[in-house]
């Protein structure tokens, strides 16, 4: 069998080898990891017709389950997993993590998969004509509105303090795609809406991070939340949308601003690390409590050391330090701090400063220098497996069950 100029040794049957990996234990997982290390390029080339098809990560794992039985869980097995709370699952997502780590590590397959995740989603393409015409789209977790060339993305889960789940990731990726596809949009703003939650009723809140109730219930998937989030809409904000539309750049990107009211917890703070300008109210705070919860805070371990320095990063990520927006250490994450009553005026001023062609070109070059794609690829490859292992750790199960009671 020959795939994408890679000739396999005579008699080597990838499907037969993959089928040996059918039992869930450390020995078999070690065999899967070795198998992926040796054959990731061939597997990916076959699944994508020699890298001529762009499959998103959910499509890729499903295709692998059909083409190489035993290598990753089947759709039926994953459906059974999704019906169980986290504590009662069999941990089949770990096998997806092994598979995706192998693909992302591979020099040809990895970059191709990252490019696939930068392409517009089918949902966004379907909604684009309506949004271009009306300038408004209301989704469950995000409201998107275009006004005078500015796309206003408002996180609107008012009952749970904008806690993140798979629906929020889907809505955010749709919104980000539409911002980048709509030629009338020049700059984008992300802000939290006004809450109905009893503790913050009538106040704006940016984001409370991962929804721990959903995690405890087994409703925070590895592929459709933890990896899609990092490789999908967050990378699109940072890197741009892969459109094949121009000879001078295959990516369409625009400036992004975030406005933080009340707090940015966990995933909320993670988001701030990819924005071009971050404005915060003086009474707001930032935190990354993932280590307390037992998981990895996305790509923050990669980005925060560069942005805030290694000591502050360790204090925040390992020690759970909460940073007030007005304190000096926050200035590496937050560009501008104003009293809460001055947020609206400050937002207008910051948006005006971001609105320019030179801003687009320079942010592109800054992002390329600060986070080369190859370094991101190496990080996200290992994250795919390590986060999968963490969400099934006994300590995490116990913690999230406790945190989930009465939490966001």
Protein backbone atom coordinates (compact mmCIF):
# COMPACT_ATOMS: atom_id res chain seq x y z
CA UNK A 1 0.00 0.00 0.00
CA UNK A 2 1.33 3.45 -0.92
CA UNK A 3 -0.01 6.68 0.58
CA UNK A 4 1.26 10.18 -0.19
CA UNK A 5 4.66 8.99 -1.41
CA UNK A 6 5.15 6.83 1.71
CA UNK A 7 5.64 3.17 0.80
CA UNK A 8 4.92 0.71 3.58
CA UNK A 9 7.04 -2.41 3.96
CA UNK A 10 5.64 -5.48 2.15
CA UNK A 11 3.20 -7.41 4.27
CA UNK A 12 2.59 -4.58 6.77
CA UNK A 13 -1.14 -4.24 7.37
CA UNK A 14 -1.91 -1.13 9.42
CA UNK A 15 -5.47 -2.25 10.07
CA UNK A 16 -4.33 -5.57 11.44
CA UNK A 17 -1.82 -3.87 13.72
CA UNK A 18 -4.39 -1.30 14.86
CA UNK A 19 -6.89 -4.03 15.59
CA UNK A 20 -4.53 -5.56 18.15
CA UNK A 21 -5.13 -2.50 20.33
CA UNK A 22 -8.61 -3.32 21.57
CA UNK A 23 -8.32 -3.67 25.35
CA UNK A 24 -8.19 -0.64 27.62
CA UNK A 25 -5.11 -1.05 29.83
CA UNK A 26 -1.66 0.45 30.11
CA UNK A 27 0.01 -2.25 28.05
CA UNK A 28 -2.30 -1.79 25.12
CA UNK A 29 -2.11 1.99 25.41
CA UNK A 30 1.67 1.77 25.30
CA UNK A 31 1.29 -0.27 22.11
CA UNK A 32 -1.07 2.35 20.67
CA UNK A 33 1.38 5.12 21.48
CA UNK A 34 4.25 3.23 19.82
CA UNK A 35 2.05 2.46 16.82
CA UNK A 36 1.13 6.12 16.38
CA UNK A 37 4.75 7.19 16.80
CA UNK A 38 5.77 4.88 13.97
CA UNK A 39 2.84 5.24 11.57
CA UNK A 40 1.10 8.59 12.14
CA UNK A 41 2.04 9.98 8.73
CA UNK A 42 0.77 6.92 6.86
CA UNK A 43 -2.45 6.78 8.85
CA UNK A 44 -3.17 10.49 8.35
CA UNK A 45 -2.33 10.32 4.65
CA UNK A 46 -4.80 7.48 4.16
CA UNK A 47 -7.56 9.19 6.14
CA UNK A 48 -7.15 12.45 4.21
CA UNK A 49 -6.42 11.05 0.74
CA UNK A 50 -2.81 12.12 0.82
CA UNK A 51 -3.55 15.35 2.72
CA UNK A 52 -5.94 16.57 0.01
CA UNK A 53 -8.94 16.56 2.39
CA UNK A 54 -9.23 18.72 5.47
CA UNK A 55 -10.87 16.83 8.33
CA UNK A 56 -11.61 18.47 11.66
CA UNK A 57 -10.55 16.54 14.75
CA UNK A 58 -14.01 15.05 15.36
CA UNK A 59 -14.19 13.92 11.74
CA UNK A 60 -10.66 12.55 11.93
CA UNK A 61 -11.20 10.37 15.00
CA UNK A 62 -14.44 9.04 13.53
CA UNK A 63 -12.73 8.23 10.23
CA UNK A 64 -9.88 6.50 12.09
CA UNK A 65 -12.33 4.37 14.05
CA UNK A 66 -13.79 3.06 10.78
CA UNK A 67 -10.53 2.65 8.88
CA UNK A 68 -8.42 1.21 11.69
CA UNK A 69 -10.65 -0.77 14.08
CA UNK A 70 -9.31 -0.80 17.62
CA UNK A 71 -7.09 2.25 17.24
CA UNK A 72 -9.64 4.73 18.63
CA UNK A 73 -13.13 4.27 20.10
CA UNK A 74 -16.04 3.88 17.71
CA UNK A 75 -18.90 6.37 17.54
CA UNK A 76 -21.09 3.85 19.37
CA UNK A 77 -18.55 3.48 22.16
CA UNK A 78 -18.26 7.25 22.50
CA UNK A 79 -22.04 7.61 22.54
CA UNK A 80 -22.14 5.17 25.45
CA UNK A 81 -19.44 7.18 27.21
CA UNK A 82 -21.36 10.42 26.78
CA UNK A 83 -24.37 8.90 28.55
CA UNK A 84 -22.39 8.43 31.76
CA UNK A 85 -21.17 10.86 34.44
CA UNK A 86 -17.42 11.45 34.42
CA UNK A 87 -16.80 9.11 37.37
CA UNK A 88 -18.45 6.17 35.58
CA UNK A 89 -16.80 6.48 32.18
CA UNK A 90 -14.28 3.97 30.87
CA UNK A 91 -11.77 6.63 29.85
CA UNK A 92 -11.95 5.97 26.13
CA UNK A 93 -11.03 9.58 25.39
CA UNK A 94 -7.50 8.73 26.53
CA UNK A 95 -7.21 6.62 23.38
CA UNK A 96 -8.36 9.61 21.33
CA UNK A 97 -5.65 11.62 23.08
CA UNK A 98 -2.99 9.05 22.17
CA UNK A 99 -4.13 9.12 18.55
CA UNK A 100 -4.26 12.90 18.25
CA UNK A 101 -0.91 13.36 19.99
CA UNK A 102 0.63 11.06 17.39
CA UNK A 103 -0.96 12.92 14.49
CA UNK A 104 -0.07 16.35 15.82
CA UNK A 105 3.54 15.33 16.46
CA UNK A 106 3.99 14.18 12.88
CA UNK A 107 5.86 16.81 10.80
CA UNK A 108 3.46 16.68 7.81
CA UNK A 109 0.21 15.54 9.39
CA UNK A 110 0.35 17.89 12.38
CA UNK A 111 0.48 21.20 10.47
CA UNK A 112 -2.16 19.95 8.04
CA UNK A 113 -4.54 19.11 10.90
CA UNK A 114 -3.99 22.54 12.46
CA UNK A 115 -4.81 24.13 9.10
CA UNK A 116 -7.98 22.03 8.93
CA UNK A 117 -9.07 23.43 12.28
CA UNK A 118 -8.57 26.99 11.00
CA UNK A 119 -11.12 26.56 8.21
CA UNK A 120 -14.65 28.00 8.55
CA UNK A 121 -17.22 25.67 10.06
CA UNK A 122 -20.18 24.54 7.99
CA UNK A 123 -22.51 26.22 10.49
CA UNK A 124 -20.81 29.59 10.00
CA UNK A 125 -20.90 29.29 6.21
CA UNK A 126 -24.60 28.50 6.38
CA UNK A 127 -25.32 31.53 8.60
CA UNK A 128 -23.04 33.98 6.77
CA UNK A 129 -25.56 35.38 4.25
CA UNK A 130 -28.06 36.11 7.01
CA UNK A 131 -25.45 37.80 9.19
CA UNK A 132 -24.02 39.88 6.34
CA UNK A 133 -27.55 41.12 5.59
CA UNK A 134 -28.85 41.73 9.12
CA UNK A 135 -25.68 42.24 11.17
CA UNK A 136 -27.24 40.35 14.10
CA UNK A 137 -27.11 36.74 15.25
CA UNK A 138 -28.48 35.50 18.57
CA UNK A 139 -27.18 32.12 19.72
CA UNK A 140 -27.59 30.33 23.02
CA UNK A 141 -24.24 31.34 24.48
CA UNK A 142 -23.17 34.29 22.31
CA UNK A 143 -24.87 37.29 20.76
CA UNK A 144 -23.13 38.75 17.72
CA UNK A 145 -23.91 42.23 16.42
CA UNK A 146 -22.13 44.38 13.83
CA UNK A 147 -22.21 48.15 14.38
CA UNK A 148 -20.19 50.61 12.29
CA UNK A 149 -17.60 48.02 11.30
CA UNK A 150 -17.20 46.66 14.83
CA UNK A 151 -18.33 43.13 15.69
CA UNK A 152 -19.66 43.00 19.26
CA UNK A 153 -19.55 39.48 20.69
CA UNK A 154 -21.44 39.28 23.97
CA UNK A 155 -21.24 36.20 26.17
CA UNK A 156 -24.86 35.80 27.25
CA UNK A 157 -25.12 32.79 29.54
CA UNK A 158 -26.59 35.06 32.20
CA UNK A 159 -27.72 32.23 34.50
CA UNK A 160 -24.30 30.56 34.92
CA UNK A 161 -21.84 33.47 34.78
CA UNK A 162 -20.83 32.56 31.21
CA UNK A 163 -19.37 29.22 32.29
CA UNK A 164 -17.95 27.31 29.33
CA UNK A 165 -19.31 24.10 27.84
CA UNK A 166 -19.51 22.46 24.40
CA UNK A 167 -22.40 24.73 23.32
CA UNK A 168 -20.39 27.82 24.21
CA UNK A 169 -17.44 26.54 22.17
CA UNK A 170 -19.69 25.88 19.19
CA UNK A 171 -21.30 29.32 19.40
CA UNK A 172 -17.98 31.10 19.88
CA UNK A 173 -16.39 29.38 16.89
CA UNK A 174 -19.41 30.26 14.76
CA UNK A 175 -19.22 33.89 15.89
CA UNK A 176 -15.46 34.13 15.31
CA UNK A 177 -15.83 32.64 11.82
CA UNK A 178 -18.54 35.15 10.93
CA UNK A 179 -16.44 38.06 12.18
CA UNK A 180 -13.54 36.97 10.02
CA UNK A 181 -15.68 36.16 6.96
CA UNK A 182 -17.77 39.35 6.96
CA UNK A 183 -15.91 41.99 4.89
CA UNK A 184 -17.80 44.78 6.67
CA UNK A 185 -16.17 43.94 10.02
CA UNK A 186 -12.86 45.65 10.71
CA UNK A 187 -12.34 44.97 14.43
CA UNK A 188 -14.00 42.79 17.10
CA UNK A 189 -14.88 43.17 20.78
CA UNK A 190 -15.64 40.38 23.26
CA UNK A 191 -17.44 41.28 26.49
CA UNK A 192 -19.64 39.53 29.02
CA UNK A 193 -23.31 40.42 29.25
CA UNK A 194 -25.49 41.38 32.20
CA UNK A 195 -26.19 38.48 34.57
CA UNK A 196 -29.38 37.11 36.06
CA UNK A 197 -27.40 34.81 38.39
CA UNK A 198 -28.35 35.70 41.99
CA UNK A 199 -24.79 36.54 43.08
CA UNK A 200 -24.18 38.98 40.22
CA UNK A 201 -27.67 39.99 39.18
CA UNK A 202 -27.64 43.16 37.08
CA UNK A 203 -23.84 43.15 36.68
CA UNK A 204 -21.71 42.31 33.68
CA UNK A 205 -19.45 39.25 34.04
CA UNK A 206 -16.78 38.18 31.57
CA UNK A 207 -16.39 34.42 32.13
CA UNK A 208 -16.42 31.91 35.01
CA UNK A 209 -14.34 29.30 33.17
CA UNK A 210 -15.20 25.65 32.61
CA UNK A 211 -18.64 24.56 33.75
CA UNK A 212 -17.79 22.20 36.61
CA UNK A 213 -21.30 20.81 36.81
CA UNK A 214 -21.05 19.77 33.18
CA UNK A 215 -17.58 18.29 33.77
CA UNK A 216 -18.86 16.23 36.70
CA UNK A 217 -21.82 15.08 34.58
CA UNK A 218 -19.47 13.89 31.85
CA UNK A 219 -20.53 16.62 29.42
CA UNK A 220 -17.12 18.24 28.79
CA UNK A 221 -15.65 16.15 25.94
CA UNK A 222 -11.98 16.03 25.03
CA UNK A 223 -12.45 16.45 21.27
CA UNK A 224 -15.50 18.70 21.04
CA UNK A 225 -14.58 21.00 23.93
CA UNK A 226 -11.05 20.77 25.34
CA UNK A 227 -9.27 20.40 22.00
CA UNK A 228 -11.74 22.10 19.68
CA UNK A 229 -11.60 25.20 21.88
CA UNK A 230 -7.80 25.52 21.69
CA UNK A 231 -7.34 24.46 18.07
CA UNK A 232 -10.52 26.11 16.80
CA UNK A 233 -11.85 29.51 17.77
CA UNK A 234 -8.97 30.58 20.04
CA UNK A 235 -6.44 29.85 17.29
CA UNK A 236 -8.68 31.63 14.81
CA UNK A 237 -8.71 34.74 17.00
CA UNK A 238 -4.93 34.58 17.32
CA UNK A 239 -3.88 33.30 13.90
CA UNK A 240 -6.81 33.99 11.59
CA UNK A 241 -9.17 32.03 9.35
CA UNK A 242 -7.82 29.75 6.64
CA UNK A 243 -9.65 30.85 3.49
CA UNK A 244 -7.30 30.23 0.51
CA UNK A 245 -8.52 33.61 -0.64
CA UNK A 246 -5.38 35.61 -1.39
CA UNK A 247 -1.89 35.09 -2.78
CA UNK A 248 -0.32 37.30 -0.12
CA UNK A 249 -1.81 35.50 2.87
CA UNK A 250 -3.81 32.31 3.19
CA UNK A 251 -5.22 33.59 6.50
CA UNK A 252 -7.82 36.29 7.11
CA UNK A 253 -7.26 37.97 10.46
CA UNK A 254 -8.55 41.07 12.27
CA UNK A 255 -7.78 42.91 15.51
CA UNK A 256 -9.50 41.65 18.67
CA UNK A 257 -10.24 43.41 21.94
CA UNK A 258 -11.58 41.98 25.22
CA UNK A 259 -13.34 43.95 27.96
CA UNK A 260 -13.36 42.31 31.41
CA UNK A 261 -16.07 43.14 33.91
CA UNK A 262 -16.13 41.49 37.37
CA UNK A 263 -13.77 38.58 36.66
CA UNK A 264 -12.11 36.31 34.12
CA UNK A 265 -11.75 32.90 35.74
CA UNK A 266 -10.02 29.91 34.14
CA UNK A 267 -10.92 29.84 30.46
CA UNK A 268 -11.79 33.53 30.68
CA UNK A 269 -8.20 34.40 31.57
CA UNK A 270 -6.91 31.93 28.98
CA UNK A 271 -8.80 33.86 26.32
CA UNK A 272 -7.20 37.16 27.28
CA UNK A 273 -3.75 35.83 26.38
CA UNK A 274 -4.54 35.93 22.63
CA UNK A 275 -6.25 39.33 22.40
CA UNK A 276 -4.58 42.43 20.97
CA UNK A 277 -5.94 44.75 23.63
CA UNK A 278 -7.41 43.87 27.02
CA UNK A 279 -9.38 46.42 29.01
CA UNK A 280 -10.49 45.64 32.55
CA UNK A 281 -12.58 47.31 35.21
CA UNK A 282 -10.52 48.24 38.25
CA UNK A 283 -12.57 45.95 40.51
CA UNK A 284 -12.13 42.89 38.25
CA UNK A 285 -9.80 39.96 38.90
CA UNK A 286 -8.12 37.18 36.93
CA UNK A 287 -7.39 33.57 37.91
CA UNK A 288 -6.46 30.15 36.51
CA UNK A 289 -7.69 27.60 39.07
CA UNK A 290 -7.19 24.56 36.82
CA UNK A 291 -4.48 23.04 39.04
CA UNK A 292 -6.85 23.29 42.00
CA UNK A 293 -9.45 21.51 39.88
CA UNK A 294 -6.84 18.98 38.75
CA UNK A 295 -6.71 19.80 35.04
CA UNK A 296 -4.48 21.80 32.68
CA UNK A 297 -5.52 25.39 31.88
CA UNK A 298 -5.49 25.02 28.12
CA UNK A 299 -2.51 26.68 26.45
CA UNK A 300 -1.89 29.02 29.39
CA UNK A 301 1.15 27.00 30.51
CA UNK A 302 2.66 27.83 27.13
CA UNK A 303 1.60 31.47 26.89
CA UNK A 304 1.56 32.91 30.39
CA UNK A 305 5.28 32.41 31.10
CA UNK A 306 6.11 34.41 27.99
CA UNK A 307 3.61 37.13 28.78
CA UNK A 308 3.87 37.51 32.56
CA UNK A 309 7.19 35.78 33.31
CA UNK A 310 7.88 32.32 34.76
CA UNK A 311 7.50 33.23 38.44
CA UNK A 312 4.09 34.88 38.06
CA UNK A 313 2.97 32.04 35.79
CA UNK A 314 3.86 29.46 38.44
CA UNK A 315 2.15 31.45 41.17
CA UNK A 316 -1.04 31.69 39.12
CA UNK A 317 -1.11 28.20 37.60
CA UNK A 318 0.49 26.07 40.31
CA UNK A 319 -0.36 28.15 43.37
CA UNK A 320 -3.80 29.39 42.37
CA UNK A 321 -2.90 33.05 42.87
CA UNK A 322 -5.70 35.46 42.01
CA UNK A 323 -4.53 38.70 40.38
CA UNK A 324 -6.49 41.91 40.80
CA UNK A 325 -6.73 43.88 37.58
CA UNK A 326 -5.38 47.00 39.27
CA UNK A 327 -2.21 45.40 40.70
CA UNK A 328 1.15 45.71 38.88
CA UNK A 329 1.48 42.03 37.90
CA UNK A 330 -1.79 42.25 35.98
CA UNK A 331 -0.32 44.77 33.55
CA UNK A 332 1.39 42.01 31.59
CA UNK A 333 -2.07 40.60 30.79
CA UNK A 334 -4.26 43.70 30.95
CA UNK A 335 -3.38 46.74 28.83
CA UNK A 336 -5.74 49.25 30.38
CA UNK A 337 -7.60 49.50 33.70
CA UNK A 338 -10.40 51.99 34.32
CA UNK A 339 -13.13 52.45 36.93
CA UNK A 340 -16.23 50.37 36.16
CA UNK A 341 -18.29 53.42 35.27
CA UNK A 342 -15.75 54.40 32.58
CA UNK A 343 -15.70 51.06 30.75
CA UNK A 344 -17.99 52.06 27.87
CA UNK A 345 -16.00 55.18 27.02
CA UNK A 346 -12.69 53.35 27.32
CA UNK A 347 -13.94 50.62 25.00
CA UNK A 348 -14.77 53.14 22.29
CA UNK A 349 -11.33 54.72 22.53
CA UNK A 350 -9.50 51.40 22.39
CA UNK A 351 -11.52 50.17 19.41
CA UNK A 352 -10.65 53.32 17.48
CA UNK A 353 -6.94 52.70 18.09
CA UNK A 354 -7.20 49.12 16.78
CA UNK A 355 -9.04 50.09 13.60
CA UNK A 356 -6.38 50.28 10.90
CA UNK A 357 -4.70 48.25 8.15
CA UNK A 358 -1.27 48.67 9.74
CA UNK A 359 -2.66 47.16 12.94
CA UNK A 360 -3.70 44.02 11.06
CA UNK A 361 -0.28 43.56 9.44
CA UNK A 362 1.65 44.25 12.62
CA UNK A 363 -0.47 41.99 14.85
CA UNK A 364 0.14 39.19 12.34
CA UNK A 365 3.90 39.65 12.57
CA UNK A 366 3.85 40.01 16.37
CA UNK A 367 1.86 36.81 16.76
CA UNK A 368 4.18 34.96 14.41
CA UNK A 369 7.21 36.07 16.43
CA UNK A 370 5.65 35.47 19.86
CA UNK A 371 4.12 32.08 19.11
CA UNK A 372 5.57 30.28 16.08
CA UNK A 373 3.11 27.69 14.73
CA UNK A 374 5.60 24.86 15.19
CA UNK A 375 5.97 25.61 18.90
CA UNK A 376 2.20 25.70 19.33
CA UNK A 377 1.95 22.37 17.51
CA UNK A 378 4.44 20.70 19.85
CA UNK A 379 2.55 21.99 22.87
CA UNK A 380 -0.94 21.07 21.71
CA UNK A 381 0.23 17.57 20.72
CA UNK A 382 1.27 16.80 24.28
CA UNK A 383 -1.73 18.64 25.71
CA UNK A 384 -4.04 16.31 23.75
CA UNK A 385 -2.87 13.35 25.81
CA UNK A 386 -2.05 14.97 29.14
CA UNK A 387 -5.43 16.70 29.42
CA UNK A 388 -7.16 13.42 28.51
CA UNK A 389 -5.30 11.69 31.34
CA UNK A 390 -6.12 14.48 33.79
CA UNK A 391 -9.89 14.51 33.23
CA UNK A 392 -9.96 10.82 34.21
CA UNK A 393 -7.67 11.17 37.23
CA UNK A 394 -9.17 9.98 40.50
CA UNK A 395 -8.27 13.30 42.13
CA UNK A 396 -10.11 15.24 39.41
CA UNK A 397 -13.23 13.11 39.71
CA UNK A 398 -13.38 13.75 43.43
CA UNK A 399 -12.68 17.45 43.10
CA UNK A 400 -15.15 18.27 40.34
CA UNK A 401 -17.90 16.32 42.08
CA UNK A 402 -17.33 18.52 45.11
CA UNK A 403 -16.91 21.75 43.19
CA UNK A 404 -19.99 21.07 41.09
CA UNK A 405 -22.35 21.17 44.04
CA UNK A 406 -23.83 24.66 44.03
CA UNK A 407 -21.17 25.96 41.65
CA UNK A 408 -21.55 27.96 38.45
